[in-house]
């Protein structure tokens, strides 16, 4: 599993888009109304975005790899890492789940969720093997107190109140992520609306979804421009 996780870690950026193919699986509908499915998908994905933004804003972790291999320069145990060892992956799972729900077919939702869980469970195994080798008993002690996936909610309010939130870091590190989940959810939502019988009963559904996508696209363009121009508003006080 560790070897497979190292493979997935190395090629995760290339492989992840292929998970979207699960959205094409046919099958029984989740909701009778495809617009409701798209809205539910957007809400789930937004929840995942909140989790990821909170993780980055409270305590950033440098674990993006080095030379396409698992790497960490320190063991981060503060912020949301007090409550789950992998809050970034938990957030990403909600984004993937949101896309599956928006597809509005049970096989699509279950397929993409299972594929993501398998892929990143292997990645986590590889990361944990690396962290255990590098940090030894300190990491084992962390593992004993903090769950791998499901967040431990006890003490969350205290964590949030004691932490200083770094908005510039969130915007710099995560500004393109909303476009990554909004685009497929809106597109598949519009496609399902066009295919649904009686689609004329939702005259504003397509416009509503396009409005969401337009706002996300505007956010991406503005923050991207501020980042490229070196705006003081996005100046990091720490890395």
C-alpha atoms as a PDB file:
ATOM      1  CA  UNK A   1       0.000   0.000   0.000  1.00  0.00           C
ATOM      2  CA  UNK A   2       2.894   2.361   0.752  1.00  0.00           C
ATOM      3  CA  UNK A   3       4.455   1.732  -2.654  1.00  0.00           C
ATOM      4  CA  UNK A   4       1.105   2.358  -4.332  1.00  0.00           C
ATOM      5  CA  UNK A   5       0.694   5.515  -2.266  1.00  0.00           C
ATOM      6  CA  UNK A   6       4.090   6.789  -3.405  1.00  0.00           C
ATOM      7  CA  UNK A   7       3.012   6.168  -7.009  1.00  0.00           C
ATOM      8  CA  UNK A   8      -0.259   8.029  -6.525  1.00  0.00           C
ATOM      9  CA  UNK A   9       1.539  10.853  -4.731  1.00  0.00           C
ATOM     10  CA  UNK A  10       3.952  11.285  -7.604  1.00  0.00           C
ATOM     11  CA  UNK A  11       1.262  11.332 -10.279  1.00  0.00           C
ATOM     12  CA  UNK A  12      -1.748  12.629  -8.307  1.00  0.00           C
ATOM     13  CA  UNK A  13      -1.979  15.878 -10.287  1.00  0.00           C
ATOM     14  CA  UNK A  14      -2.127  13.898 -13.526  1.00  0.00           C
ATOM     15  CA  UNK A  15      -4.441  11.184 -12.232  1.00  0.00           C
ATOM     16  CA  UNK A  16      -6.954  13.294 -10.286  1.00  0.00           C
ATOM     17  CA  UNK A  17      -8.758  14.742 -13.351  1.00  0.00           C
ATOM     18  CA  UNK A  18      -9.496  11.198 -14.512  1.00  0.00           C
ATOM     19  CA  UNK A  19     -11.677  10.751 -11.430  1.00  0.00           C
ATOM     20  CA  UNK A  20     -14.175  13.024 -13.176  1.00  0.00           C
ATOM     21  CA  UNK A  21     -14.865  10.183 -15.627  1.00  0.00           C
ATOM     22  CA  UNK A  22     -16.878   8.527 -12.855  1.00  0.00           C
ATOM     23  CA  UNK A  23     -19.364  11.385 -13.188  1.00  0.00           C
ATOM     24  CA  UNK A  24     -20.414   9.905 -16.537  1.00  0.00           C
ATOM     25  CA  UNK A  25     -21.620   6.611 -15.022  1.00  0.00           C
ATOM     26  CA  UNK A  26     -25.328   6.045 -15.707  1.00  0.00           C
ATOM     27  CA  UNK A  27     -27.747   4.845 -13.091  1.00  0.00           C
ATOM     28  CA  UNK A  28     -30.663   5.729 -10.809  1.00  0.00           C
ATOM     29  CA  UNK A  29     -31.073   9.387  -9.895  1.00  0.00           C
ATOM     30  CA  UNK A  30     -30.315  10.710  -6.416  1.00  0.00           C
ATOM     31  CA  UNK A  31     -32.759  13.651  -6.657  1.00  0.00           C
ATOM     32  CA  UNK A  32     -35.782  13.996  -8.878  1.00  0.00           C
ATOM     33  CA  UNK A  33     -34.779  17.615  -9.503  1.00  0.00           C
ATOM     34  CA  UNK A  34     -31.342  18.003 -11.179  1.00  0.00           C
ATOM     35  CA  UNK A  35     -31.127  21.626 -10.048  1.00  0.00           C
ATOM     36  CA  UNK A  36     -31.484  20.518  -6.423  1.00  0.00           C
ATOM     37  CA  UNK A  37     -28.670  18.003  -7.044  1.00  0.00           C
ATOM     38  CA  UNK A  38     -26.417  20.753  -8.409  1.00  0.00           C
ATOM     39  CA  UNK A  39     -27.169  23.052  -5.457  1.00  0.00           C
ATOM     40  CA  UNK A  40     -26.495  20.236  -2.976  1.00  0.00           C
ATOM     41  CA  UNK A  41     -23.229  19.523  -4.791  1.00  0.00           C
ATOM     42  CA  UNK A  42     -22.181  23.165  -4.580  1.00  0.00           C
ATOM     43  CA  UNK A  43     -22.964  23.276  -0.850  1.00  0.00           C
ATOM     44  CA  UNK A  44     -20.888  20.141  -0.167  1.00  0.00           C
ATOM     45  CA  UNK A  45     -17.994  21.417  -2.255  1.00  0.00           C
ATOM     46  CA  UNK A  46     -18.130  24.797  -0.536  1.00  0.00           C
ATOM     47  CA  UNK A  47     -17.997  23.024   2.834  1.00  0.00           C
ATOM     48  CA  UNK A  48     -14.864  21.248   1.637  1.00  0.00           C
ATOM     49  CA  UNK A  49     -13.418  24.580   0.571  1.00  0.00           C
ATOM     50  CA  UNK A  50     -14.102  26.033   4.015  1.00  0.00           C
ATOM     51  CA  UNK A  51     -12.250  23.126   5.619  1.00  0.00           C
ATOM     52  CA  UNK A  52      -9.250  23.546   3.325  1.00  0.00           C
ATOM     53  CA  UNK A  53      -9.198  27.336   3.735  1.00  0.00           C
ATOM     54  CA  UNK A  54      -9.421  26.979   7.510  1.00  0.00           C
ATOM     55  CA  UNK A  55      -6.560  24.503   7.485  1.00  0.00           C
ATOM     56  CA  UNK A  56      -4.302  26.800   5.469  1.00  0.00           C
ATOM     57  CA  UNK A  57      -5.341  29.931   7.324  1.00  0.00           C
ATOM     58  CA  UNK A  58      -4.743  28.521  10.796  1.00  0.00           C
ATOM     59  CA  UNK A  59      -1.596  26.453  10.376  1.00  0.00           C
ATOM     60  CA  UNK A  60      -0.037  25.836   6.986  1.00  0.00           C
ATOM     61  CA  UNK A  61       1.663  22.527   6.364  1.00  0.00           C
ATOM     62  CA  UNK A  62       4.502  22.149   3.872  1.00  0.00           C
ATOM     63  CA  UNK A  63       3.883  18.638   2.648  1.00  0.00           C
ATOM     64  CA  UNK A  64       3.628  19.119  -1.081  1.00  0.00           C
ATOM     65  CA  UNK A  65       6.506  16.829  -1.858  1.00  0.00           C
ATOM     66  CA  UNK A  66      10.000  17.363  -3.133  1.00  0.00           C
ATOM     67  CA  UNK A  67      11.117  15.996  -6.493  1.00  0.00           C
ATOM     68  CA  UNK A  68       7.706  14.284  -6.775  1.00  0.00           C
ATOM     69  CA  UNK A  69       8.281  12.393  -3.520  1.00  0.00           C
ATOM     70  CA  UNK A  70       6.666  12.643  -0.086  1.00  0.00           C
ATOM     71  CA  UNK A  71       8.427  15.270   1.997  1.00  0.00           C
ATOM     72  CA  UNK A  72       7.772  17.291   5.164  1.00  0.00           C
ATOM     73  CA  UNK A  73      10.096  19.826   6.762  1.00  0.00           C
ATOM     74  CA  UNK A  74       8.296  19.651  10.123  1.00  0.00           C
ATOM     75  CA  UNK A  75       5.503  17.806  11.901  1.00  0.00           C
ATOM     76  CA  UNK A  76       2.531  20.174  12.070  1.00  0.00           C
ATOM     77  CA  UNK A  77       0.101  19.372  14.885  1.00  0.00           C
ATOM     78  CA  UNK A  78      -1.625  22.723  15.461  1.00  0.00           C
ATOM     79  CA  UNK A  79      -4.667  24.332  13.874  1.00  0.00           C
ATOM     80  CA  UNK A  80      -7.057  21.804  12.340  1.00  0.00           C
ATOM     81  CA  UNK A  81      -4.256  19.239  12.531  1.00  0.00           C
ATOM     82  CA  UNK A  82      -5.206  18.967  16.218  1.00  0.00           C
ATOM     83  CA  UNK A  83      -8.495  17.402  15.133  1.00  0.00           C
ATOM     84  CA  UNK A  84      -7.670  15.286  12.087  1.00  0.00           C
ATOM     85  CA  UNK A  85      -4.316  14.297  10.644  1.00  0.00           C
ATOM     86  CA  UNK A  86      -5.437  15.058   7.088  1.00  0.00           C
ATOM     87  CA  UNK A  87      -7.785  18.065   7.041  1.00  0.00           C
ATOM     88  CA  UNK A  88      -6.742  19.048   3.505  1.00  0.00           C
ATOM     89  CA  UNK A  89      -7.743  15.629   2.171  1.00  0.00           C
ATOM     90  CA  UNK A  90     -10.990  15.731   4.176  1.00  0.00           C
ATOM     91  CA  UNK A  91     -11.806  19.048   2.529  1.00  0.00           C
ATOM     92  CA  UNK A  92     -10.966  17.680  -0.897  1.00  0.00           C
ATOM     93  CA  UNK A  93     -13.217  14.677  -0.258  1.00  0.00           C
ATOM     94  CA  UNK A  94     -16.211  16.988   0.243  1.00  0.00           C
ATOM     95  CA  UNK A  95     -15.385  18.695  -3.062  1.00  0.00           C
ATOM     96  CA  UNK A  96     -15.281  15.335  -4.833  1.00  0.00           C
ATOM     97  CA  UNK A  97     -18.472  14.222  -3.084  1.00  0.00           C
ATOM     98  CA  UNK A  98     -20.125  17.462  -4.193  1.00  0.00           C
ATOM     99  CA  UNK A  99     -19.292  16.717  -7.821  1.00  0.00           C
ATOM    100  CA  UNK A 100     -20.691  13.199  -7.405  1.00  0.00           C
ATOM    101  CA  UNK A 101     -23.936  14.480  -5.907  1.00  0.00           C
ATOM    102  CA  UNK A 102     -24.249  17.092  -8.678  1.00  0.00           C
ATOM    103  CA  UNK A 103     -23.950  14.298 -11.254  1.00  0.00           C
ATOM    104  CA  UNK A 104     -27.214  13.084  -9.683  1.00  0.00           C
ATOM    105  CA  UNK A 105     -26.638   9.377 -10.253  1.00  0.00           C
ATOM    106  CA  UNK A 106     -25.883   6.924  -7.469  1.00  0.00           C
ATOM    107  CA  UNK A 107     -23.153   4.991  -9.362  1.00  0.00           C
ATOM    108  CA  UNK A 108     -21.405   8.271 -10.248  1.00  0.00           C
ATOM    109  CA  UNK A 109     -21.497   9.570  -6.688  1.00  0.00           C
ATOM    110  CA  UNK A 110     -20.405   6.273  -5.124  1.00  0.00           C
ATOM    111  CA  UNK A 111     -17.799   5.596  -7.815  1.00  0.00           C
ATOM    112  CA  UNK A 112     -15.975   8.922  -7.605  1.00  0.00           C
ATOM    113  CA  UNK A 113     -16.120   8.918  -3.786  1.00  0.00           C
ATOM    114  CA  UNK A 114     -14.728   5.373  -3.569  1.00  0.00           C
ATOM    115  CA  UNK A 115     -11.988   6.090  -6.128  1.00  0.00           C
ATOM    116  CA  UNK A 116     -10.869   9.215  -4.276  1.00  0.00           C
ATOM    117  CA  UNK A 117     -10.924   7.425  -0.916  1.00  0.00           C
ATOM    118  CA  UNK A 118      -8.840   4.544  -2.254  1.00  0.00           C
ATOM    119  CA  UNK A 119      -6.315   6.798  -3.974  1.00  0.00           C
ATOM    120  CA  UNK A 120      -5.757   9.114  -1.045  1.00  0.00           C
ATOM    121  CA  UNK A 121      -5.855   6.367   1.557  1.00  0.00           C
ATOM    122  CA  UNK A 122      -2.820   4.964  -0.233  1.00  0.00           C
ATOM    123  CA  UNK A 123      -1.200   8.416  -0.347  1.00  0.00           C
ATOM    124  CA  UNK A 124      -1.791   8.834   3.394  1.00  0.00           C
ATOM    125  CA  UNK A 125      -0.160   5.473   4.081  1.00  0.00           C
ATOM    126  CA  UNK A 126       2.917   6.600   2.163  1.00  0.00           C
ATOM    127  CA  UNK A 127       3.001   9.941   3.983  1.00  0.00           C
ATOM    128  CA  UNK A 128       2.618   8.272   7.367  1.00  0.00           C
ATOM    129  CA  UNK A 129       5.450   5.857   6.616  1.00  0.00           C
ATOM    130  CA  UNK A 130       7.684   8.817   5.773  1.00  0.00           C
ATOM    131  CA  UNK A 131       6.633  10.817   8.843  1.00  0.00           C
ATOM    132  CA  UNK A 132       7.093   7.836  11.153  1.00  0.00           C
ATOM    133  CA  UNK A 133      10.595   7.268   9.824  1.00  0.00           C
ATOM    134  CA  UNK A 134      11.524  10.953  10.109  1.00  0.00           C
ATOM    135  CA  UNK A 135       9.884  11.916  13.411  1.00  0.00           C
ATOM    136  CA  UNK A 136       9.672   8.535  15.167  1.00  0.00           C
ATOM    137  CA  UNK A 137       7.976   8.459  18.607  1.00  0.00           C
ATOM    138  CA  UNK A 138       6.771  12.052  18.266  1.00  0.00           C
ATOM    139  CA  UNK A 139       4.680  11.069  15.249  1.00  0.00           C
ATOM    140  CA  UNK A 140       3.448   7.870  16.948  1.00  0.00           C
ATOM    141  CA  UNK A 141       2.246   9.945  19.897  1.00  0.00           C
ATOM    142  CA  UNK A 142       0.428  12.296  17.504  1.00  0.00           C
ATOM    143  CA  UNK A 143      -1.222   9.323  15.783  1.00  0.00           C
ATOM    144  CA  UNK A 144      -2.475   7.968  19.109  1.00  0.00           C
ATOM    145  CA  UNK A 145      -4.374  11.174  19.872  1.00  0.00           C
ATOM    146  CA  UNK A 146      -5.581  12.442  16.489  1.00  0.00           C
ATOM    147  CA  UNK A 147      -7.780  10.469  14.028  1.00  0.00           C
ATOM    148  CA  UNK A 148      -6.652   9.909  10.453  1.00  0.00           C
ATOM    149  CA  UNK A 149      -9.853  11.004   8.687  1.00  0.00           C
ATOM    150  CA  UNK A 150     -12.951  11.847  10.754  1.00  0.00           C
ATOM    151  CA  UNK A 151     -12.357  15.115  12.619  1.00  0.00           C
ATOM    152  CA  UNK A 152     -12.456  15.137  16.414  1.00  0.00           C
ATOM    153  CA  UNK A 153     -14.741  18.067  17.203  1.00  0.00           C
ATOM    154  CA  UNK A 154     -13.866  18.362  20.894  1.00  0.00           C
ATOM    155  CA  UNK A 155     -11.863  21.527  21.465  1.00  0.00           C
ATOM    156  CA  UNK A 156     -12.508  22.926  17.980  1.00  0.00           C
ATOM    157  CA  UNK A 157     -13.895  26.204  19.327  1.00  0.00           C
ATOM    158  CA  UNK A 158     -10.793  26.663  21.447  1.00  0.00           C
ATOM    159  CA  UNK A 159      -8.545  25.958  18.458  1.00  0.00           C
ATOM    160  CA  UNK A 160     -10.326  28.582  16.377  1.00  0.00           C
ATOM    161  CA  UNK A 161     -10.299  31.189  19.143  1.00  0.00           C
ATOM    162  CA  UNK A 162      -6.617  30.730  19.957  1.00  0.00           C
ATOM    163  CA  UNK A 163      -5.360  30.876  16.369  1.00  0.00           C
ATOM    164  CA  UNK A 164      -4.523  33.850  14.212  1.00  0.00           C
ATOM    165  CA  UNK A 165      -6.069  33.463  10.761  1.00  0.00           C
ATOM    166  CA  UNK A 166      -3.816  34.252   7.805  1.00  0.00           C
ATOM    167  CA  UNK A 167      -6.080  35.408   4.958  1.00  0.00           C
ATOM    168  CA  UNK A 168      -3.270  36.353   2.530  1.00  0.00           C
ATOM    169  CA  UNK A 169      -1.880  32.824   2.792  1.00  0.00           C
ATOM    170  CA  UNK A 170      -5.297  31.317   2.074  1.00  0.00           C
ATOM    171  CA  UNK A 171      -5.791  33.464  -1.012  1.00  0.00           C
ATOM    172  CA  UNK A 172      -2.306  32.800  -2.357  1.00  0.00           C
ATOM    173  CA  UNK A 173      -2.362  29.057  -1.810  1.00  0.00           C
ATOM    174  CA  UNK A 174      -5.986  28.243  -2.562  1.00  0.00           C
ATOM    175  CA  UNK A 175      -7.430  30.916  -4.873  1.00  0.00           C
ATOM    176  CA  UNK A 176      -7.718  28.593  -7.871  1.00  0.00           C
ATOM    177  CA  UNK A 177      -9.365  25.702  -5.964  1.00  0.00           C
ATOM    178  CA  UNK A 178     -12.972  27.033  -6.128  1.00  0.00           C
ATOM    179  CA  UNK A 179     -12.818  27.084  -9.916  1.00  0.00           C
ATOM    180  CA  UNK A 180     -11.673  23.460  -9.834  1.00  0.00           C
ATOM    181  CA  UNK A 181     -14.898  22.280  -8.204  1.00  0.00           C
ATOM    182  CA  UNK A 182     -17.377  24.918  -9.395  1.00  0.00           C
ATOM    183  CA  UNK A 183     -16.681  24.339 -13.093  1.00  0.00           C
ATOM    184  CA  UNK A 184     -17.509  20.600 -13.255  1.00  0.00           C
ATOM    185  CA  UNK A 185     -20.451  20.929 -10.864  1.00  0.00           C
ATOM    186  CA  UNK A 186     -22.039  23.771 -12.839  1.00  0.00           C
ATOM    187  CA  UNK A 187     -21.397  22.141 -16.211  1.00  0.00           C
ATOM    188  CA  UNK A 188     -22.824  18.771 -15.211  1.00  0.00           C
ATOM    189  CA  UNK A 189     -25.731  20.517 -13.493  1.00  0.00           C
ATOM    190  CA  UNK A 190     -26.588  22.431 -16.656  1.00  0.00           C
ATOM    191  CA  UNK A 191     -26.227  19.266 -18.745  1.00  0.00           C
ATOM    192  CA  UNK A 192     -28.623  17.390 -16.462  1.00  0.00           C
ATOM    193  CA  UNK A 193     -31.094  20.278 -16.589  1.00  0.00           C
ATOM    194  CA  UNK A 194     -31.056  20.208 -20.377  1.00  0.00           C
ATOM    195  CA  UNK A 195     -31.644  16.454 -20.413  1.00  0.00           C
ATOM    196  CA  UNK A 196     -34.427  16.440 -17.824  1.00  0.00           C
ATOM    197  CA  UNK A 197     -38.047  16.210 -18.955  1.00  0.00           C
ATOM    198  CA  UNK A 198     -39.950  19.359 -18.206  1.00  0.00           C
ATOM    199  CA  UNK A 199     -36.764  21.423 -17.997  1.00  0.00           C
ATOM    200  CA  UNK A 200     -38.816  24.512 -18.865  1.00  0.00           C
ATOM    201  CA  UNK A 201     -40.161  24.359 -15.319  1.00  0.00           C
ATOM    202  CA  UNK A 202     -36.865  25.823 -14.086  1.00  0.00           C
ATOM    203  CA  UNK A 203     -36.395  28.923 -16.251  1.00  0.00           C
ATOM    204  CA  UNK A 204     -33.835  30.448 -13.893  1.00  0.00           C
ATOM    205  CA  UNK A 205     -31.933  27.304 -12.915  1.00  0.00           C
ATOM    206  CA  UNK A 206     -29.314  27.527 -15.655  1.00  0.00           C
ATOM    207  CA  UNK A 207     -28.877  31.260 -15.095  1.00  0.00           C
ATOM    208  CA  UNK A 208     -28.420  30.681 -11.361  1.00  0.00           C
ATOM    209  CA  UNK A 209     -25.707  28.078 -11.912  1.00  0.00           C
ATOM    210  CA  UNK A 210     -23.943  30.278 -14.449  1.00  0.00           C
ATOM    211  CA  UNK A 211     -24.060  33.164 -11.967  1.00  0.00           C
ATOM    212  CA  UNK A 212     -22.258  31.042  -9.384  1.00  0.00           C
ATOM    213  CA  UNK A 213     -19.619  30.072 -11.925  1.00  0.00           C
ATOM    214  CA  UNK A 214     -19.223  33.713 -13.000  1.00  0.00           C
ATOM    215  CA  UNK A 215     -18.601  34.831  -9.410  1.00  0.00           C
ATOM    216  CA  UNK A 216     -16.018  32.087  -8.891  1.00  0.00           C
ATOM    217  CA  UNK A 217     -14.332  32.976 -12.178  1.00  0.00           C
ATOM    218  CA  UNK A 218     -14.249  36.668 -11.214  1.00  0.00           C
ATOM    219  CA  UNK A 219     -12.698  35.766  -7.855  1.00  0.00           C
ATOM    220  CA  UNK A 220     -10.051  33.672  -9.625  1.00  0.00           C
ATOM    221  CA  UNK A 221      -9.202  36.455 -12.077  1.00  0.00           C
ATOM    222  CA  UNK A 222      -9.019  39.202  -9.425  1.00  0.00           C
ATOM    223  CA  UNK A 223      -6.912  37.253  -6.924  1.00  0.00           C
ATOM    224  CA  UNK A 224      -4.720  35.922  -9.710  1.00  0.00           C
ATOM    225  CA  UNK A 225      -4.095  39.464 -10.910  1.00  0.00           C
ATOM    226  CA  UNK A 226      -3.330  40.673  -7.376  1.00  0.00           C
ATOM    227  CA  UNK A 227      -0.901  37.798  -6.926  1.00  0.00           C
ATOM    228  CA  UNK A 228       0.842  38.465 -10.238  1.00  0.00           C
ATOM    229  CA  UNK A 229       1.080  42.195  -9.546  1.00  0.00           C
ATOM    230  CA  UNK A 230       2.608  41.608  -6.105  1.00  0.00           C
ATOM    231  CA  UNK A 231      -0.166  43.432  -4.273  1.00  0.00           C
ATOM    232  CA  UNK A 232       0.605  44.328  -0.617  1.00  0.00           C
ATOM    233  CA  UNK A 233      -2.870  42.951   0.217  1.00  0.00           C
ATOM    234  CA  UNK A 234      -1.528  39.444  -0.409  1.00  0.00           C
ATOM    235  CA  UNK A 235       1.832  39.924   1.271  1.00  0.00           C
ATOM    236  CA  UNK A 236       2.623  37.013   3.558  1.00  0.00           C
ATOM    237  CA  UNK A 237       3.807  37.726   7.056  1.00  0.00           C
ATOM    238  CA  UNK A 238       5.046  34.145   7.346  1.00  0.00           C
ATOM    239  CA  UNK A 239       5.479  31.146   5.067  1.00  0.00           C
END
